Amino acid sequence: MDDKIKGLLESLVMLLVNSKFSEIVARNENGRLSQSEIEAALSDYPGVISLPPESTYSSAYIYDIYDDVTEARRIEFDLWYDGEVSDLTLSAEIKKNSSGKLVITIDDIHIL
């Protein structure tokens, strides 16, 4: 996994784990989900969301979305609850914005 992509994913997961939902929205990383929808998706799952081990980021599923301009990719990453991997999955998209900087946005938080 590209270090920039890994860094964006780690940063977003850290914000989710620390309940920094307003910061996610302020950074425009919430995608199509509202702040309350993100909070509900995480709180409806049993247990307490926790930071995954560093090694798990390299096992995230990354799919290219063939767009040469934005170099878009979709990521599926299993979130961790109570110190164990869960079946609650963060689906996100990473692409270059109009200034050429890679950005991450949440597509969905769902059970796979």
N, C-alpha and C. Protein backbone atom coordinates (compact mmCIF):
# COMPACT_ATOMS: atom_id res chain seq x y z
N MET A 1 0.85 -1.18 0.00
CA MET A 1 0.00 0.00 0.00
C MET A 1 0.89 1.24 0.00
N ASP A 2 0.52 2.19 -0.81
CA ASP A 2 1.22 3.46 -0.90
C ASP A 2 1.20 4.16 0.47
N ASP A 3 2.33 4.75 0.87
CA ASP A 3 2.42 5.40 2.19
C ASP A 3 1.42 6.54 2.35
N LYS A 4 1.16 7.29 1.28
CA LYS A 4 0.20 8.40 1.37
C LYS A 4 -1.21 7.87 1.62
N ILE A 5 -1.56 6.81 0.92
CA ILE A 5 -2.89 6.21 1.10
C ILE A 5 -3.00 5.64 2.51
N LYS A 6 -1.97 4.94 2.96
CA LYS A 6 -1.97 4.38 4.31
C LYS A 6 -2.11 5.48 5.35
N GLY A 7 -1.41 6.59 5.16
CA GLY A 7 -1.49 7.71 6.10
C GLY A 7 -2.89 8.31 6.16
N LEU A 8 -3.53 8.46 5.00
CA LEU A 8 -4.90 9.00 4.96
C LEU A 8 -5.86 8.06 5.68
N LEU A 9 -5.72 6.76 5.43
CA LEU A 9 -6.59 5.77 6.08
C LEU A 9 -6.37 5.76 7.58
N GLU A 10 -5.12 5.73 8.02
CA GLU A 10 -4.81 5.74 9.45
C GLU A 10 -5.39 6.98 10.13
N SER A 11 -5.25 8.11 9.49
CA SER A 11 -5.76 9.37 10.05
C SER A 11 -7.27 9.33 10.21
N LEU A 12 -7.97 8.83 9.20
CA LEU A 12 -9.43 8.76 9.26
C LEU A 12 -9.88 7.77 10.34
N VAL A 13 -9.24 6.62 10.42
CA VAL A 13 -9.60 5.63 11.45
C VAL A 13 -9.35 6.21 12.85
N MET A 14 -8.24 6.94 13.01
CA MET A 14 -7.93 7.57 14.30
C MET A 14 -9.05 8.56 14.69
N LEU A 15 -9.53 9.34 13.73
CA LEU A 15 -10.61 10.28 14.01
C LEU A 15 -11.89 9.54 14.41
N LEU A 16 -12.18 8.44 13.72
CA LEU A 16 -13.37 7.65 14.05
C LEU A 16 -13.27 7.08 15.46
N VAL A 17 -12.12 6.49 15.78
CA VAL A 17 -11.92 5.87 17.10
C VAL A 17 -12.03 6.91 18.21
N ASN A 18 -11.54 8.11 17.95
CA ASN A 18 -11.56 9.17 18.97
C ASN A 18 -12.83 10.04 18.92
N SER A 19 -13.83 9.57 18.18
CA SER A 19 -15.14 10.26 18.07
C SER A 19 -15.01 11.71 17.63
N LYS A 20 -14.08 11.99 16.75
CA LYS A 20 -13.87 13.36 16.23
C LYS A 20 -14.71 13.54 14.95
N PHE A 21 -16.01 13.33 15.09
CA PHE A 21 -16.89 13.35 13.93
C PHE A 21 -17.00 14.74 13.30
N SER A 22 -17.02 15.78 14.13
CA SER A 22 -17.11 17.13 13.58
C SER A 22 -15.84 17.48 12.80
N GLU A 23 -14.70 16.95 13.24
CA GLU A 23 -13.45 17.19 12.51
C GLU A 23 -13.47 16.48 11.15
N ILE A 24 -14.04 15.28 11.12
CA ILE A 24 -14.18 14.55 9.85
C ILE A 24 -15.00 15.39 8.88
N VAL A 25 -16.11 15.95 9.36
CA VAL A 25 -16.97 16.78 8.51
C VAL A 25 -16.24 18.06 8.09
N ALA A 26 -15.53 18.68 9.03
CA ALA A 26 -14.80 19.92 8.72
C ALA A 26 -13.72 19.67 7.66
N ARG A 27 -13.17 18.48 7.64
CA ARG A 27 -12.14 18.13 6.66
C ARG A 27 -12.74 17.60 5.36
N ASN A 28 -14.08 17.60 5.28
CA ASN A 28 -14.80 17.09 4.10
C ASN A 28 -14.48 15.63 3.82
N GLU A 29 -14.24 14.86 4.87
CA GLU A 29 -13.94 13.45 4.72
C GLU A 29 -15.16 12.57 4.96
N ASN A 30 -16.29 13.18 5.28
CA ASN A 30 -17.50 12.42 5.58
C ASN A 30 -18.19 11.89 4.33
N GLY A 31 -17.82 12.37 3.16
CA GLY A 31 -18.42 11.88 1.92
C GLY A 31 -19.92 12.08 1.91
N ARG A 32 -20.64 11.01 1.61
CA ARG A 32 -22.10 11.12 1.50
C ARG A 32 -22.81 10.94 2.83
N LEU A 33 -22.06 10.65 3.89
CA LEU A 33 -22.67 10.44 5.20
C LEU A 33 -22.64 11.73 6.03
N SER A 34 -23.72 11.98 6.74
CA SER A 34 -23.75 13.11 7.66
C SER A 34 -23.01 12.72 8.95
N GLN A 35 -22.72 13.72 9.76
CA GLN A 35 -22.07 13.46 11.04
C GLN A 35 -22.91 12.49 11.88
N SER A 36 -24.21 12.70 11.92
CA SER A 36 -25.07 11.83 12.74
C SER A 36 -25.14 10.41 12.18
N GLU A 37 -25.06 10.26 10.87
CA GLU A 37 -25.06 8.92 10.27
C GLU A 37 -23.78 8.16 10.61
N ILE A 38 -22.65 8.86 10.63
CA ILE A 38 -21.38 8.23 11.02
C ILE A 38 -21.45 7.79 12.48
N GLU A 39 -21.91 8.71 13.34
CA GLU A 39 -22.03 8.39 14.77
C GLU A 39 -22.94 7.19 14.98
N ALA A 40 -24.07 7.16 14.30
CA ALA A 40 -25.03 6.07 14.46
C ALA A 40 -24.45 4.74 13.99
N ALA A 41 -23.76 4.74 12.86
CA ALA A 41 -23.18 3.51 12.33
C ALA A 41 -22.18 2.91 13.31
N LEU A 42 -21.40 3.76 13.97
CA LEU A 42 -20.40 3.26 14.91
C LEU A 42 -20.99 2.88 16.26
N SER A 43 -21.99 3.64 16.72
CA SER A 43 -22.55 3.36 18.05
C SER A 43 -23.57 2.22 18.02
N ASP A 44 -24.17 1.94 16.87
CA ASP A 44 -25.14 0.84 16.78
C ASP A 44 -24.45 -0.52 16.82
N TYR A 45 -23.17 -0.55 16.52
CA TYR A 45 -22.43 -1.82 16.54
C TYR A 45 -22.07 -2.14 17.99
N PRO A 46 -22.24 -3.40 18.41
CA PRO A 46 -21.96 -3.73 19.82
C PRO A 46 -20.47 -3.61 20.16
N GLY A 47 -20.20 -3.07 21.34
CA GLY A 47 -18.82 -2.93 21.79
C GLY A 47 -18.32 -1.50 21.63
N VAL A 48 -17.02 -1.35 21.79
CA VAL A 48 -16.38 -0.04 21.71
C VAL A 48 -15.34 -0.08 20.60
N ILE A 49 -15.43 0.87 19.68
CA ILE A 49 -14.46 0.93 18.59
C ILE A 49 -13.07 1.15 19.18
N SER A 50 -12.09 0.47 18.60
CA SER A 50 -10.72 0.57 19.11
C SER A 50 -9.73 0.67 17.95
N LEU A 51 -8.54 1.16 18.27
CA LEU A 51 -7.50 1.28 17.25
C LEU A 51 -7.02 -0.10 16.83
N PRO A 52 -6.93 -0.33 15.54
CA PRO A 52 -6.40 -1.61 15.07
C PRO A 52 -4.87 -1.62 15.18
N PRO A 53 -4.28 -2.81 15.18
CA PRO A 53 -2.82 -2.87 15.15
C PRO A 53 -2.29 -2.24 13.86
N GLU A 54 -1.12 -1.67 13.93
CA GLU A 54 -0.48 -1.02 12.77
C GLU A 54 -0.45 -1.94 11.56
N SER A 55 -0.20 -3.21 11.78
CA SER A 55 -0.04 -4.16 10.68
C SER A 55 -1.31 -4.36 9.85
N THR A 56 -2.47 -4.05 10.41
CA THR A 56 -3.72 -4.31 9.68
C THR A 56 -3.94 -3.36 8.51
N TYR A 57 -3.33 -2.19 8.55
CA TYR A 57 -3.55 -1.23 7.46
C TYR A 57 -3.05 -1.77 6.12
N SER A 58 -1.99 -2.56 6.16
CA SER A 58 -1.44 -3.09 4.91
C SER A 58 -2.34 -4.17 4.32
N SER A 59 -3.31 -4.67 5.09
CA SER A 59 -4.21 -5.71 4.56
C SER A 59 -5.56 -5.14 4.11
N ALA A 60 -5.68 -3.82 4.06
CA ALA A 60 -6.91 -3.21 3.55
C ALA A 60 -7.07 -3.56 2.07
N TYR A 61 -8.30 -3.77 1.64
CA TYR A 61 -8.57 -4.07 0.23
C TYR A 61 -8.64 -2.76 -0.54
N ILE A 62 -7.83 -2.67 -1.58
CA ILE A 62 -7.80 -1.45 -2.40
C ILE A 62 -8.16 -1.82 -3.83
N TYR A 63 -9.11 -1.08 -4.39
CA TYR A 63 -9.55 -1.30 -5.75
C TYR A 63 -9.32 -0.02 -6.55
N ASP A 64 -8.74 -0.16 -7.73
CA ASP A 64 -8.60 0.99 -8.61
C ASP A 64 -9.94 1.29 -9.25
N ILE A 65 -10.26 2.57 -9.31
CA ILE A 65 -11.43 3.03 -10.06
C ILE A 65 -10.83 3.75 -11.25
N TYR A 66 -10.91 3.18 -12.39
CA TYR A 66 -10.11 3.63 -13.53
C TYR A 66 -10.46 5.04 -13.97
N ASP A 67 -9.77 5.99 -13.37
CA ASP A 67 -9.92 7.41 -13.70
C ASP A 67 -8.51 8.01 -13.64
N ASP A 68 -7.91 8.21 -14.79
CA ASP A 68 -6.53 8.69 -14.84
C ASP A 68 -6.35 10.07 -14.24
N VAL A 69 -7.39 10.89 -14.29
CA VAL A 69 -7.28 12.26 -13.79
C VAL A 69 -7.17 12.29 -12.27
N THR A 70 -8.07 11.59 -11.60
CA THR A 70 -8.11 11.63 -10.13
C THR A 70 -7.35 10.49 -9.47
N GLU A 71 -6.95 9.48 -10.27
CA GLU A 71 -6.29 8.30 -9.73
C GLU A 71 -7.09 7.69 -8.57
N ALA A 72 -8.40 7.65 -8.74
CA ALA A 72 -9.31 7.22 -7.66
C ALA A 72 -9.12 5.74 -7.31
N ARG A 73 -9.27 5.47 -6.02
CA ARG A 73 -9.22 4.11 -5.50
C ARG A 73 -10.30 3.96 -4.42
N ARG A 74 -10.83 2.77 -4.30
CA ARG A 74 -11.78 2.47 -3.23
C ARG A 74 -11.07 1.56 -2.24
N ILE A 75 -11.32 1.80 -0.96
CA ILE A 75 -10.71 1.02 0.11
C ILE A 75 -11.80 0.40 0.97
N GLU A 76 -11.62 -0.86 1.31
CA GLU A 76 -12.48 -1.55 2.27
C GLU A 76 -11.58 -1.92 3.45
N PHE A 77 -11.94 -1.44 4.65
CA PHE A 77 -11.11 -1.68 5.83
C PHE A 77 -11.98 -2.10 7.00
N ASP A 78 -11.69 -3.27 7.57
CA ASP A 78 -12.45 -3.77 8.71
C ASP A 78 -12.08 -2.98 9.97
N LEU A 79 -13.10 -2.42 10.61
CA LEU A 79 -12.88 -1.68 11.85
C LEU A 79 -12.72 -2.65 13.02
N TRP A 80 -12.11 -2.19 14.08
CA TRP A 80 -11.86 -3.01 15.26
C TRP A 80 -12.74 -2.55 16.41
N TYR A 81 -13.29 -3.51 17.13
CA TYR A 81 -14.10 -3.25 18.32
C TYR A 81 -13.59 -4.11 19.46
N ASP A 82 -13.46 -3.50 20.62
CA ASP A 82 -13.00 -4.22 21.83
C ASP A 82 -11.70 -4.98 21.57
N GLY A 83 -10.81 -4.38 20.77
CA GLY A 83 -9.51 -4.97 20.52
C GLY A 83 -9.49 -6.13 19.55
N GLU A 84 -10.59 -6.36 18.85
CA GLU A 84 -10.66 -7.46 17.88
C GLU A 84 -11.26 -6.96 16.57
N VAL A 85 -10.85 -7.61 15.48
CA VAL A 85 -11.40 -7.23 14.17
C VAL A 85 -12.90 -7.52 14.17
N SER A 86 -13.66 -6.64 13.56
CA SER A 86 -15.11 -6.80 13.49
C SER A 86 -15.54 -6.99 12.04
N ASP A 87 -16.83 -7.21 11.83
CA ASP A 87 -17.34 -7.28 10.46
C ASP A 87 -17.96 -5.94 10.04
N LEU A 88 -17.71 -4.90 10.83
CA LEU A 88 -18.12 -3.55 10.45
C LEU A 88 -16.99 -2.97 9.59
N THR A 89 -17.35 -2.58 8.39
CA THR A 89 -16.34 -2.18 7.41
C THR A 89 -16.47 -0.72 7.03
N LEU A 90 -15.34 -0.05 6.98
CA LEU A 90 -15.26 1.31 6.46
C LEU A 90 -14.97 1.22 4.98
N SER A 91 -15.88 1.76 4.16
CA SER A 91 -15.64 1.87 2.73
C SER A 91 -15.32 3.33 2.44
N ALA A 92 -14.19 3.57 1.80
CA ALA A 92 -13.76 4.94 1.55
C ALA A 92 -13.22 5.05 0.13
N GLU A 93 -13.15 6.28 -0.34
CA GLU A 93 -12.59 6.55 -1.65
C GLU A 93 -11.43 7.52 -1.48
N ILE A 94 -10.36 7.27 -2.19
CA ILE A 94 -9.21 8.17 -2.18
C ILE A 94 -8.99 8.62 -3.62
N LYS A 95 -8.88 9.92 -3.79
CA LYS A 95 -8.63 10.46 -5.13
C LYS A 95 -7.97 11.82 -5.01
N LYS A 96 -7.43 12.27 -6.13
CA LYS A 96 -6.83 13.60 -6.16
C LYS A 96 -7.93 14.64 -6.31
N ASN A 97 -7.81 15.71 -5.53
CA ASN A 97 -8.77 16.81 -5.66
C ASN A 97 -8.32 17.74 -6.78
N SER A 98 -9.00 18.86 -6.94
CA SER A 98 -8.72 19.77 -8.06
C SER A 98 -7.31 20.35 -8.01
N SER A 99 -6.70 20.38 -6.82
CA SER A 99 -5.33 20.90 -6.71
C SER A 99 -4.29 19.79 -6.77
N GLY A 100 -4.72 18.54 -7.02
CA GLY A 100 -3.79 17.43 -7.18
C GLY A 100 -3.38 16.75 -5.89
N LYS A 101 -4.02 17.10 -4.78
CA LYS A 101 -3.70 16.50 -3.49
C LYS A 101 -4.62 15.30 -3.25
N LEU A 102 -4.06 14.19 -2.75
CA LEU A 102 -4.87 13.02 -2.42
C LEU A 102 -5.75 13.31 -1.21
N VAL A 103 -7.02 12.97 -1.32
CA VAL A 103 -7.98 13.15 -0.22
C VAL A 103 -8.76 11.86 -0.04
N ILE A 104 -9.24 11.64 1.18
CA ILE A 104 -10.04 10.46 1.49
C ILE A 104 -11.44 10.90 1.89
N THR A 105 -12.44 10.15 1.46
CA THR A 105 -13.82 10.42 1.88
C THR A 105 -14.50 9.09 2.19
N ILE A 106 -15.37 9.12 3.19
CA ILE A 106 -16.13 7.93 3.56
C ILE A 106 -17.21 7.70 2.52
N ASP A 107 -17.32 6.46 2.06
CA ASP A 107 -18.41 6.09 1.18
C ASP A 107 -19.52 5.44 1.99
N ASP A 108 -19.12 4.59 2.96
CA ASP A 108 -20.12 3.91 3.77
C ASP A 108 -19.43 3.26 4.97
N ILE A 109 -20.20 2.99 5.99
CA ILE A 109 -19.77 2.19 7.13
C ILE A 109 -20.86 1.14 7.30
N HIS A 110 -20.52 -0.12 7.03
CA HIS A 110 -21.53 -1.16 6.94
C HIS A 110 -20.96 -2.52 7.31
N ILE A 111 -21.84 -3.47 7.55
CA ILE A 111 -21.42 -4.84 7.86
C ILE A 111 -21.26 -5.59 6.56
N LEU A 112 -20.09 -6.21 6.41
CA LEU A 112 -19.84 -7.02 5.20
C LEU A 112 -19.87 -8.49 5.57
